[in-house]
C-alpha atoms as a PDB file:
ATOM      1  CA  MET A   1      -1.605   2.034 -16.451  1.00  0.00           C
ATOM      2  CA  SER A   2      -3.281  -1.765 -16.028  1.00  0.00           C
ATOM      3  CA  TYR A   3      -2.107  -3.735 -13.175  1.00  0.00           C
ATOM      4  CA  THR A   4      -3.688  -5.448 -10.439  1.00  0.00           C
ATOM      5  CA  PHE A   5      -3.431  -4.807  -7.044  1.00  0.00           C
ATOM      6  CA  LYS A   6      -2.284  -8.956  -7.250  1.00  0.00           C
ATOM      7  CA  ASP A   7       0.178  -7.715  -9.767  1.00  0.00           C
ATOM      8  CA  VAL A   8       2.096  -5.511  -7.796  1.00  0.00           C
ATOM      9  CA  ALA A   9       1.693  -8.423  -4.435  1.00  0.00           C
ATOM     10  CA  LYS A  10       3.075 -10.819  -6.405  1.00  0.00           C
ATOM     11  CA  TRP A  11       6.070  -8.195  -7.197  1.00  0.00           C
ATOM     12  CA  PHE A  12       7.066  -7.414  -4.007  1.00  0.00           C
ATOM     13  CA  LEU A  13       7.333 -11.578  -2.930  1.00  0.00           C
ATOM     14  CA  ALA A  14       8.668 -12.182  -6.034  1.00  0.00           C
ATOM     15  CA  LYS A  15      12.220  -9.865  -4.727  1.00  0.00           C
ATOM     16  CA  GLY A  16      12.888 -13.410  -2.213  1.00  0.00           C
ATOM     17  CA  ASN A  17      15.220 -11.482   0.174  1.00  0.00           C
ATOM     18  CA  LYS A  18      13.592 -10.857   3.222  1.00  0.00           C
ATOM     19  CA  ASP A  19      10.099 -11.897   5.317  1.00  0.00           C
ATOM     20  CA  ILE A  20       6.783 -11.112   4.672  1.00  0.00           C
ATOM     21  CA  SER A  21       3.557 -11.186   6.659  1.00  0.00           C
ATOM     22  CA  PRO A  22       0.141 -10.533   5.109  1.00  0.00           C
ATOM     23  CA  LYS A  23      -0.010  -6.703   7.302  1.00  0.00           C
ATOM     24  CA  LYS A  24       3.532  -6.260   5.775  1.00  0.00           C
ATOM     25  CA  LEU A  25       2.805  -6.807   2.471  1.00  0.00           C
ATOM     26  CA  GLN A  26      -0.955  -4.506   2.929  1.00  0.00           C
ATOM     27  CA  LYS A  27       1.466  -1.561   3.597  1.00  0.00           C
ATOM     28  CA  LEU A  28       3.873  -1.922   0.643  1.00  0.00           C
ATOM     29  CA  VAL A  29       1.228  -2.087  -1.202  1.00  0.00           C
ATOM     30  CA  TYR A  30      -0.760   0.961  -0.190  1.00  0.00           C
ATOM     31  CA  TYR A  31       2.780   2.355  -0.188  1.00  0.00           C
ATOM     32  CA  ALA A  32       3.464   2.208  -3.856  1.00  0.00           C
ATOM     33  CA  TYR A  33      -0.028   2.931  -4.733  1.00  0.00           C
ATOM     34  CA  ALA A  34       0.631   5.463  -2.550  1.00  0.00           C
ATOM     35  CA  TRP A  35       4.031   6.950  -4.332  1.00  0.00           C
ATOM     36  CA  THR A  36       2.811   5.541  -8.008  1.00  0.00           C
ATOM     37  CA  LEU A  37      -0.650   7.715  -7.792  1.00  0.00           C
ATOM     38  CA  THR A  38       1.766  10.983  -6.131  1.00  0.00           C
ATOM     39  CA  LEU A  39       4.494  10.536  -8.558  1.00  0.00           C
ATOM     40  CA  LEU A  40       2.902  10.163 -12.197  1.00  0.00           C
ATOM     41  CA  ASN A  41       0.137  12.666 -11.160  1.00  0.00           C
ATOM     42  CA  ASP A  42       0.372  16.408 -11.349  1.00  0.00           C
ATOM     43  CA  SER A  43      -2.692  17.385  -9.446  1.00  0.00           C
ATOM     44  CA  SER A  44      -4.907  16.215  -7.113  1.00  0.00           C
ATOM     45  CA  ASP A  45      -7.522  16.983  -9.396  1.00  0.00           C
ATOM     46  CA  ASP A  46      -6.577  14.746 -12.415  1.00  0.00           C
ATOM     47  CA  LEU A  47      -5.619  11.481 -10.557  1.00  0.00           C
ATOM     48  CA  GLU A  48      -5.739   9.529 -14.107  1.00  0.00           C
ATOM     49  CA  ASN A  49      -2.176   7.888 -13.567  1.00  0.00           C
ATOM     50  CA  LYS A  50      -3.377   4.847 -10.948  1.00  0.00           C
ATOM     51  CA  LEU A  51      -0.552   1.276 -10.075  1.00  0.00           C
ATOM     52  CA  PHE A  52      -4.607  -0.736  -9.986  1.00  0.00           C
ATOM     53  CA  GLU A  53      -7.839   0.744  -9.906  1.00  0.00           C
ATOM     54  CA  ASP A  54      -8.964  -3.300  -8.887  1.00  0.00           C
ATOM     55  CA  GLY A  55      -8.939  -2.552  -4.869  1.00  0.00           C
ATOM     56  CA  LYS A  56      -9.556   0.566  -3.157  1.00  0.00           C
ATOM     57  CA  PHE A  57      -7.322   0.892   0.479  1.00  0.00           C
ATOM     58  CA  GLU A  58      -9.860   1.157   3.906  1.00  0.00           C
ATOM     59  CA  ALA A  59      -8.777   2.840   6.980  1.00  0.00           C
ATOM     60  CA  TRP A  60      -8.298  -0.711   9.757  1.00  0.00           C
ATOM     61  CA  ILE A  61      -7.347  -0.508  12.756  1.00  0.00           C
ATOM     62  CA  HIS A  62      -3.795  -1.928  11.656  1.00  0.00           C
ATOM     63  CA  GLY A  63      -3.042   0.621   8.690  1.00  0.00           C
ATOM     64  CA  PRO A  64      -4.645   0.368   4.582  1.00  0.00           C
ATOM     65  CA  VAL A  65      -5.762  -2.767   4.026  1.00  0.00           C
ATOM     66  CA  ILE A  66      -7.698  -3.507   0.300  1.00  0.00           C
ATOM     67  CA  ARG A  67     -10.087  -6.534   1.893  1.00  0.00           C
ATOM     68  CA  LYS A  68      -9.400  -8.688  -1.393  1.00  0.00           C
ATOM     69  CA  LEU A  69      -5.666  -8.469  -0.644  1.00  0.00           C
ATOM     70  CA  TYR A  70      -6.309  -9.604   3.243  1.00  0.00           C
ATOM     71  CA  VAL A  71      -8.607 -12.755   2.634  1.00  0.00           C
ATOM     72  CA  MET A  72      -6.287 -13.520  -0.050  1.00  0.00           C
ATOM     73  CA  TYR A  73      -4.147 -14.364   2.659  1.00  0.00           C
ATOM     74  CA  ALA A  74      -5.976 -13.686   5.307  1.00  0.00           C
ATOM     75  CA  ASP A  75      -4.649 -17.923   7.075  1.00  0.00           C
ATOM     76  CA  TYR A  76      -1.377 -16.838   7.626  1.00  0.00           C
ATOM     77  CA  GLY A  77      -2.302 -14.683   9.986  1.00  0.00           C
ATOM     78  CA  PHE A  78       0.385 -12.366  12.101  1.00  0.00           C
ATOM     79  CA  GLU A  79       3.111 -15.224  10.018  1.00  0.00           C
ATOM     80  CA  ASP A  80       5.503 -14.649   6.725  1.00  0.00           C
ATOM     81  CA  ILE A  81       3.521 -15.438   3.759  1.00  0.00           C
ATOM     82  CA  PRO A  82       5.995 -18.204   2.413  1.00  0.00           C
ATOM     83  CA  GLU A  83       4.711 -17.809  -1.679  1.00  0.00           C
ATOM     84  CA  LYS A  84       7.903 -16.904  -3.823  1.00  0.00           C
ATOM     85  CA  PRO A  85       5.940 -15.884  -7.144  1.00  0.00           C
ATOM     86  CA  GLU A  86       7.331 -14.559 -10.690  1.00  0.00           C
ATOM     87  CA  LYS A  87       7.997 -11.190 -10.675  1.00  0.00           C
ATOM     88  CA  PRO A  88       5.371  -9.747 -12.133  1.00  0.00           C
ATOM     89  CA  LYS A  89       6.385  -7.144 -15.669  1.00  0.00           C
ATOM     90  CA  PHE A  90       6.056  -3.243 -14.923  1.00  0.00           C
ATOM     91  CA  SER A  91       6.697  -0.453 -16.960  1.00  0.00           C
ATOM     92  CA  LYS A  92      10.058   1.078 -16.161  1.00  0.00           C
ATOM     93  CA  ASP A  93       8.709   3.708 -14.350  1.00  0.00           C
ATOM     94  CA  VAL A  94       6.370   1.683 -12.504  1.00  0.00           C
ATOM     95  CA  GLU A  95       9.418  -0.868 -11.472  1.00  0.00           C
ATOM     96  CA  ASP A  96      11.108   2.462 -10.546  1.00  0.00           C
ATOM     97  CA  VAL A  97       8.787   3.447  -8.138  1.00  0.00           C
ATOM     98  CA  LEU A  98       8.196  -0.399  -6.336  1.00  0.00           C
ATOM     99  CA  ASN A  99      11.931  -0.213  -5.788  1.00  0.00           C
ATOM    100  CA  GLN A 100      12.382   3.281  -4.229  1.00  0.00           C
ATOM    101  CA  VAL A 101       9.555   2.076  -2.369  1.00  0.00           C
ATOM    102  CA  TRP A 102      11.713  -1.349  -1.733  1.00  0.00           C
ATOM    103  CA  GLU A 103      14.311   0.641  -0.540  1.00  0.00           C
ATOM    104  CA  VAL A 104      11.997   2.810   2.306  1.00  0.00           C
ATOM    105  CA  TYR A 105       9.934   0.504   3.008  1.00  0.00           C
ATOM    106  CA  GLY A 106      11.320  -3.530   2.825  1.00  0.00           C
ATOM    107  CA  ASP A 107      13.702  -3.566   6.226  1.00  0.00           C
ATOM    108  CA  TYR A 108      10.717  -2.382   8.143  1.00  0.00           C
ATOM    109  CA  SER A 109       8.690  -5.042  10.204  1.00  0.00           C
ATOM    110  CA  ALA A 110       4.581  -4.861   9.482  1.00  0.00           C
ATOM    111  CA  ASP A 111       4.505  -3.146  13.233  1.00  0.00           C
ATOM    112  CA  GLN A 112       6.554  -0.665  12.445  1.00  0.00           C
ATOM    113  CA  LEU A 113       5.123   0.725   9.001  1.00  0.00           C
ATOM    114  CA  GLU A 114       1.946   0.013  11.130  1.00  0.00           C
ATOM    115  CA  SER A 115       2.717   2.775  12.997  1.00  0.00           C
ATOM    116  CA  ILE A 116       4.302   4.614  10.073  1.00  0.00           C
ATOM    117  CA  THR A 117       0.769   4.467   8.318  1.00  0.00           C
ATOM    118  CA  HIS A 118      -0.957   5.158  11.540  1.00  0.00           C
ATOM    119  CA  GLN A 119       1.780   8.980  11.770  1.00  0.00           C
ATOM    120  CA  GLU A 120       0.220   9.456   8.581  1.00  0.00           C
ATOM    121  CA  GLU A 121      -3.024  12.251   7.778  1.00  0.00           C
ATOM    122  CA  PRO A 122      -4.373   9.998   4.764  1.00  0.00           C
ATOM    123  CA  TRP A 123      -5.423   7.666   7.430  1.00  0.00           C
ATOM    124  CA  GLN A 124      -5.992   8.954  10.275  1.00  0.00           C
ATOM    125  CA  LYS A 125      -8.719  11.680   8.252  1.00  0.00           C
ATOM    126  CA  ALA A 126     -10.093   8.443   6.715  1.00  0.00           C
ATOM    127  CA  ARG A 127     -10.761   6.639  10.709  1.00  0.00           C
ATOM    128  CA  LYS A 128     -11.897   9.831  11.131  1.00  0.00           C
ATOM    129  CA  GLY A 129     -14.346   9.410  14.044  1.00  0.00           C
ATOM    130  CA  PHE A 130     -13.617   5.866  14.946  1.00  0.00           C
ATOM    131  CA  SER A 131     -11.809   5.170  18.512  1.00  0.00           C
ATOM    132  CA  PRO A 132      -8.055   3.122  18.043  1.00  0.00           C
ATOM    133  CA  LEU A 133      -9.612  -0.697  18.514  1.00  0.00           C
ATOM    134  CA  GLN A 134     -13.242   0.459  16.959  1.00  0.00           C
ATOM    135  CA  ASN A 135     -13.816  -1.381  13.280  1.00  0.00           C
ATOM    136  CA  CYS A 136     -13.625   1.200   9.867  1.00  0.00           C
ATOM    137  CA  ASP A 137     -13.864  -0.208   6.300  1.00  0.00           C
ATOM    138  CA  ASN A 138     -13.977   4.083   4.835  1.00  0.00           C
ATOM    139  CA  ILE A 139     -12.365   4.381   2.141  1.00  0.00           C
ATOM    140  CA  ILE A 140      -9.106   6.394   2.690  1.00  0.00           C
ATOM    141  CA  SER A 141      -9.799   8.903  -0.494  1.00  0.00           C
ATOM    142  CA  ASP A 142      -7.254   8.814  -3.324  1.00  0.00           C
ATOM    143  CA  LYS A 143      -6.989  13.071  -3.468  1.00  0.00           C
ATOM    144  CA  ASP A 144      -6.125  12.787   0.631  1.00  0.00           C
ATOM    145  CA  ILE A 145      -2.857   9.644  -0.264  1.00  0.00           C
ATOM    146  CA  PHE A 146      -1.968  12.307  -2.958  1.00  0.00           C
ATOM    147  CA  ASN A 147      -1.959  15.951  -0.974  1.00  0.00           C
ATOM    148  CA  TYR A 148      -0.526  14.352   1.257  1.00  0.00           C
ATOM    149  CA  TYR A 149       2.327  12.749  -0.117  1.00  0.00           C
ATOM    150  CA  ILE A 150       3.203  15.089  -2.296  1.00  0.00           C
ATOM    151  CA  GLN A 151       3.952  18.518   0.402  1.00  0.00           C
ATOM    152  CA  ARG A 152       5.685  15.480   1.642  1.00  0.00           C
ATOM    153  CA  LEU A 153       7.551  15.522  -1.222  1.00  0.00           C
ATOM    154  CA  GLY A 154       7.377  19.867  -1.206  1.00  0.00           C
END
């Protein structure tokens, strides 16, 4: 796959029928990445199929964040992003995953999505040793993401 985190963010913004703040966008991109990693790979020892390679999720206070994506939309703060870009093209398999993520998570608020990620092991594991309000830039491991979500599928 040769997509970027920007492509995935644009796909969600192009949906256009729901308000999306920067925090909500981060969580949608995270779940798209996590679901693709889990559904399109067979083992945590061979995670070849990744939605994108150009961004890693850090375990920030408010949940998983790609720093470069944060910088792109930081000016909006907690406000919705008004941008409605043209929807990028993805393979049928990836488009299916993105639509599933949208169906499951699209109606949640940014704060609800934050709360959900805080209850999940990949974010918790990356933040081990940090207090709830302490800044952390530890990377959330792809292996941890795969292993957590594959168990939930089982």
